[in-house]
Each structure stands twice: as C-alpha cells, then as structure tokens.
Amino acid sequence: MTKIIEIYTERLFLRQWREEDWPDFASLNADPVVMEYYPDVLSTEESNHMAQKITSCITERGWGLWAVELMNDQSFIGFVGLHEPTYALPVTPCVEVGWRLAKKYWGKGYATEAASASLETGFDRLGLSEIYSFASVANKSSEAVMKRLNMVNTGRNFEHPIIPENNPLREHVLYKIDRARWLANHL
C-alpha cells in the first residue's frame, strides 16, 4: 500500500481528502468569484466527481492536490498540491503545482505557504527535477503566487487544450522552477 504524504506548515495541514470536505469544496467550486478564470462553475455532482478523482490520485501515488485545512480550527479551505496533467501541454509530461482556495481565505498567504511546502515535497521527497505552474493570462493573482514562489515565466504562453477555442481564458502563462533554483533559495 502506498504511504500517503501529509505536510504540515506553520498554519496549514495538507492531507488526504475526507468525504466531509466535499460540501465545502462544492461551495467553493460553485462560487463565480473563485471560478472566474475557469470556463464555468461546477455543479455539486461535478465537484464531488473531481474530489473523488483527486482522492484516488493521492491514494495511488501518495501525493497530489492535497486537501488543505487550517491548523487552528481544522477548517477545510481548498486544495493545494502537485498534479500530473493528463492532457497535452507544451511541457508534457510534467508535474504542476496548483491551488484553489475558498474566497474567504484569499489574501492571507495560504496559497503561497502551501504551494511552497508542495514544491519542497516535490524536490526533496519525490526527487523531481522541475515543477511547472500555469494559469489564464488574466489571472494575475495566481501569477503573483507563482512569482512569490520564485518561479520563472518561461515566455511560452499556450492555448489550454481543455478550454474551448475563442474563450478569452484559453491563453495561459507557463511558469517553471527547477530543483537548483529551489535549493538556491532554500538553503
């Protein structure tokens, strides 16, 4: 059986999903503000399906897009973690670091804190040589997190294959950090 990696930071616990996370996850996926840079909000059924897939990936590999809870009150706030995209990207195969948090938890540094811990896990525990991140060019908040993580814009914007053509969200920025850059800033 694969050992599931759990990560503790100063304020957060990144862990395997629990079914009791699903209603809060469905609420954040139904929030048009949270989903502004995605083609659409998700129904409860779509959100539960996504949670099931994420949980299965973590069960199989031991890592993935972890459920994030606050250490002080055990509130589920969203997900942050590592993922292997299954669709074709300019850098496929690759591992990405990604996040989605409920709106009330924005602006507190949680995405950066959890993503930084995810990068550390990717490089130190999983032995990855590079990790990518991407977002719609309009999503300046996610791009700001990428910059705070010391990731570098590759200058290779791309059309996201699962977003419909002619959708203004289709063009994505592509950021990257390699192990050497990570280590240079964390020793």
N, C-alpha and C. Protein backbone atom coordinates (compact mmCIF):
# COMPACT_ATOMS: atom_id res chain seq x y z
N MET A 1 0.85 -1.19 0.00
CA MET A 1 0.00 0.00 0.00
C MET A 1 0.89 1.25 0.00
N THR A 2 0.52 2.23 -0.81
CA THR A 2 1.28 3.46 -0.93
C THR A 2 1.09 4.32 0.31
N LYS A 3 2.22 4.80 0.85
CA LYS A 3 2.15 5.70 2.01
C LYS A 3 1.74 7.09 1.52
N ILE A 4 0.72 7.64 2.14
CA ILE A 4 0.22 8.96 1.75
C ILE A 4 1.02 10.03 2.47
N ILE A 5 1.58 10.93 1.69
CA ILE A 5 2.35 12.04 2.24
C ILE A 5 1.39 13.08 2.82
N GLU A 6 1.70 13.51 4.03
CA GLU A 6 0.98 14.62 4.65
C GLU A 6 2.01 15.70 4.94
N ILE A 7 1.58 16.95 4.85
CA ILE A 7 2.50 18.07 5.02
C ILE A 7 1.93 19.04 6.06
N TYR A 8 2.79 19.41 6.99
CA TYR A 8 2.43 20.43 7.96
C TYR A 8 3.27 21.66 7.69
N THR A 9 2.63 22.82 7.71
CA THR A 9 3.35 24.09 7.64
C THR A 9 3.05 24.83 8.94
N GLU A 10 3.48 26.05 9.03
CA GLU A 10 3.24 26.82 10.25
C GLU A 10 1.74 26.92 10.58
N ARG A 11 0.91 27.11 9.53
CA ARG A 11 -0.51 27.34 9.77
C ARG A 11 -1.44 26.31 9.14
N LEU A 12 -0.89 25.42 8.32
CA LEU A 12 -1.72 24.56 7.48
C LEU A 12 -1.37 23.09 7.59
N PHE A 13 -2.35 22.24 7.29
CA PHE A 13 -2.17 20.80 7.20
C PHE A 13 -2.66 20.39 5.82
N LEU A 14 -1.76 19.84 5.00
CA LEU A 14 -2.09 19.32 3.67
C LEU A 14 -2.22 17.82 3.82
N ARG A 15 -3.38 17.29 3.47
CA ARG A 15 -3.70 15.90 3.78
C ARG A 15 -4.57 15.27 2.71
N GLN A 16 -4.79 13.97 2.88
CA GLN A 16 -5.74 13.25 2.03
C GLN A 16 -7.14 13.81 2.29
N TRP A 17 -7.96 13.73 1.28
CA TRP A 17 -9.33 14.23 1.36
C TRP A 17 -10.20 13.32 2.22
N ARG A 18 -11.22 13.93 2.81
CA ARG A 18 -12.26 13.21 3.55
C ARG A 18 -13.59 13.56 2.90
N GLU A 19 -14.53 12.66 2.95
CA GLU A 19 -15.82 12.92 2.33
C GLU A 19 -16.50 14.16 2.93
N GLU A 20 -16.21 14.47 4.19
CA GLU A 20 -16.82 15.66 4.81
C GLU A 20 -16.27 16.96 4.22
N ASP A 21 -15.17 16.88 3.44
CA ASP A 21 -14.64 18.06 2.74
C ASP A 21 -15.51 18.44 1.53
N TRP A 22 -16.21 17.47 0.99
CA TRP A 22 -16.89 17.65 -0.28
C TRP A 22 -17.91 18.78 -0.32
N PRO A 23 -18.76 18.95 0.71
CA PRO A 23 -19.71 20.07 0.64
C PRO A 23 -19.03 21.44 0.58
N ASP A 24 -17.97 21.64 1.37
CA ASP A 24 -17.24 22.91 1.31
C ASP A 24 -16.54 23.07 -0.04
N PHE A 25 -16.04 21.97 -0.58
CA PHE A 25 -15.40 22.00 -1.90
C PHE A 25 -16.44 22.36 -2.97
N ALA A 26 -17.63 21.79 -2.86
CA ALA A 26 -18.70 22.11 -3.82
C ALA A 26 -19.07 23.59 -3.73
N SER A 27 -19.10 24.13 -2.51
CA SER A 27 -19.42 25.56 -2.35
C SER A 27 -18.38 26.44 -3.02
N LEU A 28 -17.10 26.13 -2.83
CA LEU A 28 -16.08 26.99 -3.47
C LEU A 28 -16.09 26.82 -4.98
N ASN A 29 -16.39 25.62 -5.47
CA ASN A 29 -16.46 25.41 -6.92
C ASN A 29 -17.71 26.03 -7.55
N ALA A 30 -18.69 26.33 -6.74
CA ALA A 30 -19.92 26.98 -7.23
C ALA A 30 -19.84 28.50 -7.13
N ASP A 31 -18.76 29.00 -6.53
CA ASP A 31 -18.60 30.44 -6.33
C ASP A 31 -18.05 31.08 -7.61
N PRO A 32 -18.81 31.97 -8.26
CA PRO A 32 -18.35 32.57 -9.51
C PRO A 32 -17.06 33.40 -9.34
N VAL A 33 -16.81 33.92 -8.15
CA VAL A 33 -15.58 34.68 -7.92
C VAL A 33 -14.37 33.73 -7.91
N VAL A 34 -14.49 32.61 -7.19
CA VAL A 34 -13.40 31.62 -7.16
C VAL A 34 -13.16 31.06 -8.56
N MET A 35 -14.22 30.85 -9.31
CA MET A 35 -14.13 30.19 -10.62
C MET A 35 -14.03 31.19 -11.78
N GLU A 36 -13.71 32.43 -11.49
CA GLU A 36 -13.66 33.48 -12.51
C GLU A 36 -12.76 33.12 -13.69
N TYR A 37 -11.66 32.43 -13.44
CA TYR A 37 -10.70 32.13 -14.50
C TYR A 37 -10.81 30.69 -15.01
N TYR A 38 -11.95 30.08 -14.76
CA TYR A 38 -12.28 28.75 -15.29
C TYR A 38 -13.49 28.92 -16.19
N PRO A 39 -13.70 28.01 -17.13
CA PRO A 39 -14.81 28.18 -18.07
C PRO A 39 -16.18 28.29 -17.42
N ASP A 40 -16.37 27.63 -16.25
CA ASP A 40 -17.68 27.68 -15.61
C ASP A 40 -17.56 27.22 -14.17
N VAL A 41 -18.57 27.52 -13.37
CA VAL A 41 -18.65 26.97 -12.03
C VAL A 41 -18.98 25.48 -12.16
N LEU A 42 -18.80 24.74 -11.06
CA LEU A 42 -19.10 23.31 -11.09
C LEU A 42 -20.37 23.02 -10.29
N SER A 43 -21.14 22.07 -10.79
CA SER A 43 -22.30 21.59 -10.02
C SER A 43 -21.76 20.76 -8.85
N THR A 44 -22.62 20.45 -7.90
CA THR A 44 -22.22 19.61 -6.78
C THR A 44 -21.74 18.25 -7.30
N GLU A 45 -22.44 17.71 -8.26
CA GLU A 45 -22.05 16.41 -8.83
C GLU A 45 -20.67 16.48 -9.49
N GLU A 46 -20.42 17.53 -10.26
CA GLU A 46 -19.10 17.70 -10.90
C GLU A 46 -18.00 17.90 -9.86
N SER A 47 -18.31 18.66 -8.84
CA SER A 47 -17.33 18.90 -7.78
C SER A 47 -17.01 17.61 -7.03
N ASN A 48 -18.03 16.83 -6.69
CA ASN A 48 -17.81 15.56 -6.00
C ASN A 48 -17.00 14.60 -6.85
N HIS A 49 -17.26 14.59 -8.14
CA HIS A 49 -16.50 13.75 -9.06
C HIS A 49 -15.02 14.16 -9.06
N MET A 50 -14.78 15.47 -9.09
CA MET A 50 -13.41 15.97 -9.05
C MET A 50 -12.73 15.58 -7.73
N ALA A 51 -13.42 15.73 -6.62
CA ALA A 51 -12.87 15.36 -5.32
C ALA A 51 -12.53 13.87 -5.28
N GLN A 52 -13.40 13.05 -5.86
CA GLN A 52 -13.16 11.61 -5.93
C GLN A 52 -11.90 11.30 -6.73
N LYS A 53 -11.75 11.95 -7.88
CA LYS A 53 -10.57 11.73 -8.72
C LYS A 53 -9.29 12.17 -8.01
N ILE A 54 -9.33 13.33 -7.34
CA ILE A 54 -8.16 13.82 -6.61
C ILE A 54 -7.79 12.84 -5.49
N THR A 55 -8.80 12.37 -4.76
CA THR A 55 -8.58 11.42 -3.67
C THR A 55 -7.95 10.14 -4.20
N SER A 56 -8.45 9.64 -5.32
CA SER A 56 -7.91 8.42 -5.93
C SER A 56 -6.45 8.60 -6.35
N CYS A 57 -6.12 9.74 -6.92
CA CYS A 57 -4.73 10.00 -7.32
C CYS A 57 -3.80 9.97 -6.11
N ILE A 58 -4.23 10.59 -5.01
CA ILE A 58 -3.40 10.58 -3.80
C ILE A 58 -3.27 9.16 -3.25
N THR A 59 -4.36 8.41 -3.27
CA THR A 59 -4.32 7.03 -2.79
C THR A 59 -3.34 6.20 -3.62
N GLU A 60 -3.35 6.40 -4.93
CA GLU A 60 -2.46 5.63 -5.82
C GLU A 60 -1.01 6.03 -5.70
N ARG A 61 -0.72 7.33 -5.65
CA ARG A 61 0.66 7.83 -5.68
C ARG A 61 1.24 8.19 -4.33
N GLY A 62 0.35 8.57 -3.41
CA GLY A 62 0.81 9.05 -2.12
C GLY A 62 0.90 10.57 -2.07
N TRP A 63 0.68 11.23 -3.17
CA TRP A 63 0.76 12.69 -3.26
C TRP A 63 -0.21 13.18 -4.33
N GLY A 64 -0.47 14.49 -4.30
CA GLY A 64 -1.39 15.04 -5.29
C GLY A 64 -1.86 16.42 -4.87
N LEU A 65 -3.08 16.73 -5.20
CA LEU A 65 -3.70 18.00 -4.84
C LEU A 65 -4.35 17.80 -3.47
N TRP A 66 -3.54 18.05 -2.42
CA TRP A 66 -3.99 17.78 -1.07
C TRP A 66 -5.11 18.70 -0.62
N ALA A 67 -5.99 18.16 0.22
CA ALA A 67 -6.97 18.99 0.93
C ALA A 67 -6.17 19.83 1.93
N VAL A 68 -6.52 21.09 2.05
CA VAL A 68 -5.81 21.99 2.97
C VAL A 68 -6.76 22.39 4.09
N GLU A 69 -6.28 22.21 5.32
CA GLU A 69 -7.07 22.67 6.46
C GLU A 69 -6.22 23.59 7.33
N LEU A 70 -6.90 24.49 7.99
CA LEU A 70 -6.23 25.39 8.92
C LEU A 70 -5.89 24.61 10.19
N MET A 71 -4.68 24.80 10.68
CA MET A 71 -4.26 24.10 11.89
C MET A 71 -5.05 24.58 13.11
N ASN A 72 -5.39 25.86 13.16
CA ASN A 72 -6.01 26.41 14.37
C ASN A 72 -7.44 25.94 14.60
N ASP A 73 -8.19 25.65 13.53
CA ASP A 73 -9.59 25.23 13.74
C ASP A 73 -10.04 24.08 12.83
N GLN A 74 -9.12 23.49 12.10
CA GLN A 74 -9.39 22.35 11.20
C GLN A 74 -10.39 22.64 10.09
N SER A 75 -10.54 23.91 9.72
CA SER A 75 -11.43 24.27 8.60
C SER A 75 -10.80 23.83 7.28
N PHE A 76 -11.60 23.22 6.42
CA PHE A 76 -11.19 22.91 5.05
C PHE A 76 -11.23 24.21 4.27
N ILE A 77 -10.12 24.55 3.58
CA ILE A 77 -10.09 25.83 2.85
C ILE A 77 -9.92 25.68 1.35
N GLY A 78 -9.68 24.45 0.87
CA GLY A 78 -9.49 24.22 -0.56
C GLY A 78 -8.41 23.19 -0.80
N PHE A 79 -7.77 23.25 -1.97
CA PHE A 79 -6.68 22.32 -2.25
C PHE A 79 -5.46 23.06 -2.72
N VAL A 80 -4.31 22.45 -2.47
CA VAL A 80 -3.02 22.89 -2.97
C VAL A 80 -2.19 21.64 -3.13
N GLY A 81 -1.38 21.58 -4.18
CA GLY A 81 -0.50 20.43 -4.29
C GLY A 81 0.06 20.23 -5.67
N LEU A 82 0.46 19.00 -5.90
CA LEU A 82 1.14 18.60 -7.13
C LEU A 82 0.23 17.70 -7.95
N HIS A 83 0.35 17.83 -9.26
CA HIS A 83 -0.54 17.10 -10.16
C HIS A 83 0.18 16.82 -11.47
N GLU A 84 -0.10 15.66 -12.04
CA GLU A 84 0.40 15.33 -13.38
C GLU A 84 -0.74 15.51 -14.38
N PRO A 85 -0.74 16.59 -15.16
CA PRO A 85 -1.82 16.79 -16.13
C PRO A 85 -1.90 15.62 -17.11
N THR A 86 -3.12 15.23 -17.44
CA THR A 86 -3.32 14.11 -18.36
C THR A 86 -3.57 14.59 -19.79
N TYR A 87 -3.68 15.90 -20.00
CA TYR A 87 -3.89 16.45 -21.33
C TYR A 87 -2.56 16.99 -21.85
N ALA A 88 -2.49 17.18 -23.16
CA ALA A 88 -1.25 17.62 -23.80
C ALA A 88 -0.97 19.09 -23.53
N LEU A 89 0.20 19.35 -22.99
CA LEU A 89 0.70 20.70 -22.76
C LEU A 89 2.04 20.83 -23.47
N PRO A 90 2.54 22.05 -23.64
CA PRO A 90 3.85 22.21 -24.30
C PRO A 90 4.98 21.51 -23.55
N VAL A 91 4.76 21.15 -22.28
CA VAL A 91 5.82 20.54 -21.47
C VAL A 91 5.44 19.14 -20.97
N THR A 92 4.44 18.53 -21.57
CA THR A 92 4.00 17.21 -21.15
C THR A 92 5.07 16.18 -21.52
N PRO A 93 5.35 15.21 -20.63
CA PRO A 93 4.79 15.02 -19.30
C PRO A 93 5.45 15.97 -18.31
N CYS A 94 4.69 16.35 -17.31
CA CYS A 94 5.22 17.28 -16.30
C CYS A 94 4.43 17.12 -15.01
N VAL A 95 4.95 17.76 -13.98
CA VAL A 95 4.22 17.89 -12.72
C VAL A 95 3.99 19.39 -12.52
N GLU A 96 2.78 19.72 -12.15
CA GLU A 96 2.44 21.12 -11.88
C GLU A 96 2.14 21.30 -10.40
N VAL A 97 2.33 22.51 -9.92
CA VAL A 97 1.84 22.88 -8.60
C VAL A 97 0.62 23.77 -8.84
N GLY A 98 -0.45 23.47 -8.11
CA GLY A 98 -1.69 24.21 -8.33
C GLY A 98 -2.44 24.42 -7.03
N TRP A 99 -3.45 25.27 -7.08
CA TRP A 99 -4.20 25.63 -5.89
C TRP A 99 -5.58 26.14 -6.27
N ARG A 100 -6.50 25.98 -5.34
CA ARG A 100 -7.84 26.60 -5.41
C ARG A 100 -8.35 26.70 -3.99
N LEU A 101 -8.54 27.92 -3.53
CA LEU A 101 -8.99 28.16 -2.16
C LEU A 101 -10.30 28.92 -2.15
N ALA A 102 -11.09 28.69 -1.11
CA ALA A 102 -12.33 29.44 -0.93
C ALA A 102 -12.00 30.93 -0.77
N LYS A 103 -12.83 31.78 -1.29
CA LYS A 103 -12.59 33.22 -1.33
C LYS A 103 -12.24 33.82 0.04
N LYS A 104 -12.92 33.38 1.09
CA LYS A 104 -12.67 33.99 2.40
C LYS A 104 -11.27 33.73 2.93
N TYR A 105 -10.52 32.84 2.25
CA TYR A 105 -9.15 32.54 2.68
C TYR A 105 -8.10 33.17 1.77
N TRP A 106 -8.54 33.98 0.82
CA TRP A 106 -7.60 34.67 -0.06
C TRP A 106 -6.91 35.81 0.69
N GLY A 107 -5.73 36.18 0.21
CA GLY A 107 -5.03 37.34 0.73
C GLY A 107 -4.38 37.13 2.09
N LYS A 108 -4.27 35.89 2.52
CA LYS A 108 -3.67 35.59 3.82
C LYS A 108 -2.34 34.84 3.68
N GLY A 109 -1.91 34.61 2.43
CA GLY A 109 -0.66 33.90 2.20
C GLY A 109 -0.76 32.39 2.24
N TYR A 110 -1.98 31.86 2.35
CA TYR A 110 -2.14 30.41 2.45
C TYR A 110 -1.72 29.68 1.17
N ALA A 111 -2.09 30.21 0.00
CA ALA A 111 -1.73 29.54 -1.26
C ALA A 111 -0.21 29.48 -1.39
N THR A 112 0.47 30.57 -1.10
CA THR A 112 1.94 30.59 -1.21
C THR A 112 2.57 29.65 -0.19
N GLU A 113 2.08 29.67 1.03
CA GLU A 113 2.62 28.81 2.09
C GLU A 113 2.47 27.33 1.73
N ALA A 114 1.28 26.95 1.30
CA ALA A 114 1.03 25.55 0.97
C ALA A 114 1.73 25.13 -0.32
N ALA A 115 1.76 26.03 -1.31
CA ALA A 115 2.44 25.70 -2.57
C ALA A 115 3.95 25.57 -2.36
N SER A 116 4.51 26.41 -1.50
CA SER A 116 5.93 26.32 -1.18
C SER A 116 6.25 24.98 -0.53
N ALA A 117 5.40 24.55 0.40
CA ALA A 117 5.59 23.24 1.03
C ALA A 117 5.42 22.11 0.01
N SER A 118 4.53 22.30 -0.95
CA SER A 118 4.34 21.29 -2.01
C SER A 118 5.58 21.20 -2.89
N LEU A 119 6.16 22.37 -3.24
CA LEU A 119 7.40 22.36 -4.02
C LEU A 119 8.51 21.65 -3.26
N GLU A 120 8.64 21.95 -1.98
CA GLU A 120 9.67 21.30 -1.16
C GLU A 120 9.49 19.78 -1.19
N THR A 121 8.26 19.34 -1.05
CA THR A 121 7.97 17.91 -1.10
C THR A 121 8.33 17.33 -2.47
N GLY A 122 7.98 18.05 -3.52
CA GLY A 122 8.29 17.58 -4.88
C GLY A 122 9.78 17.41 -5.11
N PHE A 123 10.56 18.38 -4.66
CA PHE A 123 12.00 18.31 -4.88
C PHE A 123 12.70 17.39 -3.88
N ASP A 124 12.37 17.51 -2.60
CA ASP A 124 13.10 16.76 -1.57
C ASP A 124 12.62 15.32 -1.40
N ARG A 125 11.32 15.10 -1.41
CA ARG A 125 10.80 13.76 -1.14
C ARG A 125 10.53 12.96 -2.41
N LEU A 126 10.11 13.65 -3.47
CA LEU A 126 9.77 12.93 -4.71
C LEU A 126 10.91 12.95 -5.72
N GLY A 127 11.92 13.78 -5.48
CA GLY A 127 13.08 13.82 -6.37
C GLY A 127 12.81 14.42 -7.73
N LEU A 128 11.81 15.29 -7.84
CA LEU A 128 11.50 15.91 -9.13
C LEU A 128 12.62 16.88 -9.52
N SER A 129 12.83 17.04 -10.81
CA SER A 129 13.87 17.96 -11.28
C SER A 129 13.29 19.33 -11.63
N GLU A 130 11.99 19.39 -11.93
CA GLU A 130 11.34 20.66 -12.26
C GLU A 130 9.85 20.54 -12.01
N ILE A 131 9.24 21.67 -11.71
CA ILE A 131 7.80 21.73 -11.47
C ILE A 131 7.27 22.98 -12.17
N TYR A 132 6.12 22.84 -12.81
CA TYR A 132 5.50 23.92 -13.57
C TYR A 132 4.26 24.44 -12.86
N SER A 133 3.81 25.59 -13.29
CA SER A 133 2.52 26.12 -12.88
C SER A 133 1.99 26.96 -14.04
N PHE A 134 0.69 27.00 -14.18
CA PHE A 134 0.10 27.77 -15.28
C PHE A 134 -1.27 28.27 -14.87
N ALA A 135 -1.66 29.35 -15.51
CA ALA A 135 -2.96 29.97 -15.26
C ALA A 135 -3.32 30.84 -16.45
N SER A 136 -4.59 31.14 -16.55
CA SER A 136 -5.05 32.06 -17.59
C SER A 136 -4.26 33.37 -17.48
N VAL A 137 -3.91 33.96 -18.61
CA VAL A 137 -3.14 35.21 -18.59
C VAL A 137 -3.87 36.31 -17.81
N ALA A 138 -5.17 36.23 -17.71
CA ALA A 138 -5.94 37.23 -16.97
C ALA A 138 -5.86 37.02 -15.45
N ASN A 139 -5.43 35.85 -15.02
CA ASN A 139 -5.41 35.50 -13.60
C ASN A 139 -4.13 36.01 -12.93
N LYS A 140 -4.10 37.30 -12.69
CA LYS A 140 -2.91 37.95 -12.12
C LYS A 140 -2.64 37.51 -10.68
N SER A 141 -3.67 37.13 -9.94
CA SER A 141 -3.47 36.68 -8.56
C SER A 141 -2.67 35.38 -8.52
N SER A 142 -3.03 34.43 -9.37
CA SER A 142 -2.27 33.18 -9.42
C SER A 142 -0.86 33.42 -9.94
N GLU A 143 -0.73 34.30 -10.91
CA GLU A 143 0.60 34.61 -11.42
C GLU A 143 1.46 35.25 -10.32
N ALA A 144 0.85 36.06 -9.46
CA ALA A 144 1.59 36.66 -8.35
C ALA A 144 2.09 35.59 -7.37
N VAL A 145 1.27 34.56 -7.14
CA VAL A 145 1.73 33.45 -6.29
C VAL A 145 2.92 32.76 -6.93
N MET A 146 2.86 32.51 -8.23
CA MET A 146 3.98 31.88 -8.94
C MET A 146 5.27 32.70 -8.75
N LYS A 147 5.14 34.01 -8.85
CA LYS A 147 6.31 34.88 -8.66
C LYS A 147 6.82 34.82 -7.23
N ARG A 148 5.91 34.80 -6.24
CA ARG A 148 6.33 34.70 -4.84
C ARG A 148 7.02 33.37 -4.57
N LEU A 149 6.70 32.35 -5.33
CA LEU A 149 7.34 31.04 -5.20
C LEU A 149 8.70 31.00 -5.90
N ASN A 150 9.09 32.13 -6.49
CA ASN A 150 10.36 32.25 -7.20
C ASN A 150 10.38 31.42 -8.49
N MET A 151 9.19 31.19 -9.04
CA MET A 151 9.09 30.51 -10.32
C MET A 151 9.40 31.52 -11.42
N VAL A 152 9.80 31.02 -12.57
CA VAL A 152 10.21 31.87 -13.68
C VAL A 152 9.21 31.71 -14.83
N ASN A 153 8.79 32.85 -15.39
CA ASN A 153 7.92 32.82 -16.57
C ASN A 153 8.75 32.29 -17.73
N THR A 154 8.29 31.19 -18.33
CA THR A 154 9.03 30.58 -19.43
C THR A 154 8.90 31.38 -20.72
N GLY A 155 7.93 32.32 -20.77
CA GLY A 155 7.68 33.06 -22.00
C GLY A 155 7.00 32.20 -23.07
N ARG A 156 6.50 31.05 -22.66
CA ARG A 156 5.87 30.11 -23.60
C ARG A 156 4.37 30.02 -23.31
N ASN A 157 3.66 31.14 -23.50
CA ASN A 157 2.21 31.08 -23.33
C ASN A 157 1.65 30.03 -24.27
N PHE A 158 0.52 29.42 -23.85
CA PHE A 158 -0.07 28.36 -24.68
C PHE A 158 -1.59 28.41 -24.58
N GLU A 159 -2.22 27.78 -25.53
CA GLU A 159 -3.67 27.65 -25.55
C GLU A 159 -4.02 26.39 -24.77
N HIS A 160 -4.76 26.55 -23.67
CA HIS A 160 -5.08 25.41 -22.83
C HIS A 160 -6.03 24.47 -23.57
N PRO A 161 -5.65 23.19 -23.72
CA PRO A 161 -6.43 22.28 -24.56
C PRO A 161 -7.83 21.93 -24.06
N ILE A 162 -8.12 22.13 -22.77
CA ILE A 162 -9.46 21.76 -22.32
C ILE A 162 -10.39 22.97 -22.19
N ILE A 163 -9.90 24.14 -22.58
CA ILE A 163 -10.75 25.34 -22.60
C ILE A 163 -11.17 25.59 -24.06
N PRO A 164 -12.44 25.81 -24.29
CA PRO A 164 -12.92 25.95 -25.67
C PRO A 164 -12.20 27.05 -26.46
N GLU A 165 -12.04 26.80 -27.75
CA GLU A 165 -11.44 27.80 -28.63
C GLU A 165 -12.28 29.07 -28.58
N ASN A 166 -11.63 30.20 -28.79
CA ASN A 166 -12.26 31.52 -28.77
C ASN A 166 -12.71 31.96 -27.38
N ASN A 167 -12.43 31.16 -26.34
CA ASN A 167 -12.73 31.57 -24.98
C ASN A 167 -11.58 32.46 -24.52
N PRO A 168 -11.86 33.64 -23.97
CA PRO A 168 -10.78 34.55 -23.56
C PRO A 168 -9.88 33.98 -22.45
N LEU A 169 -10.30 32.90 -21.80
CA LEU A 169 -9.48 32.27 -20.75
C LEU A 169 -8.52 31.22 -21.29
N ARG A 170 -8.59 30.95 -22.58
CA ARG A 170 -7.81 29.85 -23.16
C ARG A 170 -6.30 30.08 -23.11
N GLU A 171 -5.84 31.33 -23.32
CA GLU A 171 -4.39 31.58 -23.30
C GLU A 171 -3.87 31.55 -21.86
N HIS A 172 -2.83 30.75 -21.64
CA HIS A 172 -2.25 30.57 -20.32
C HIS A 172 -0.78 30.95 -20.29
N VAL A 173 -0.35 31.51 -19.15
CA VAL A 173 1.08 31.72 -18.89
C VAL A 173 1.63 30.40 -18.34
N LEU A 174 2.93 30.20 -18.54
CA LEU A 174 3.58 28.97 -18.09
C LEU A 174 4.83 29.35 -17.28
N TYR A 175 4.80 28.98 -16.01
CA TYR A 175 5.92 29.23 -15.10
C TYR A 175 6.60 27.92 -14.75
N LYS A 176 7.85 28.02 -14.32
CA LYS A 176 8.63 26.83 -14.00
C LYS A 176 9.63 27.15 -12.90
N ILE A 177 9.93 26.15 -12.10
CA ILE A 177 11.05 26.23 -11.17
C ILE A 177 11.76 24.88 -11.21
N ASP A 178 13.08 24.92 -11.25
CA ASP A 178 13.83 23.67 -11.23
C ASP A 178 14.45 23.47 -9.85
N ARG A 179 14.93 22.27 -9.64
CA ARG A 179 15.49 21.90 -8.34
C ARG A 179 16.62 22.84 -7.91
N ALA A 180 17.52 23.19 -8.82
CA ALA A 180 18.65 24.05 -8.48
C ALA A 180 18.18 25.42 -8.02
N ARG A 181 17.21 25.99 -8.71
CA ARG A 181 16.68 27.31 -8.32
C ARG A 181 16.00 27.21 -6.95
N TRP A 182 15.25 26.14 -6.74
CA TRP A 182 14.59 25.95 -5.46
C TRP A 182 15.64 25.87 -4.33
N LEU A 183 16.63 25.02 -4.53
CA LEU A 183 17.66 24.84 -3.50
C LEU A 183 18.43 26.12 -3.23
N ALA A 184 18.73 26.89 -4.27
CA ALA A 184 19.48 28.14 -4.10
C ALA A 184 18.76 29.12 -3.19
N ASN A 185 17.44 29.02 -3.14
CA ASN A 185 16.66 29.95 -2.33
C ASN A 185 16.18 29.34 -1.01
N HIS A 186 16.54 28.09 -0.75
CA HIS A 186 16.04 27.42 0.46
C HIS A 186 17.14 26.74 1.26
N LEU A 187 18.37 27.13 1.06
CA LEU A 187 19.46 26.56 1.86
C LEU A 187 19.92 27.53 2.89
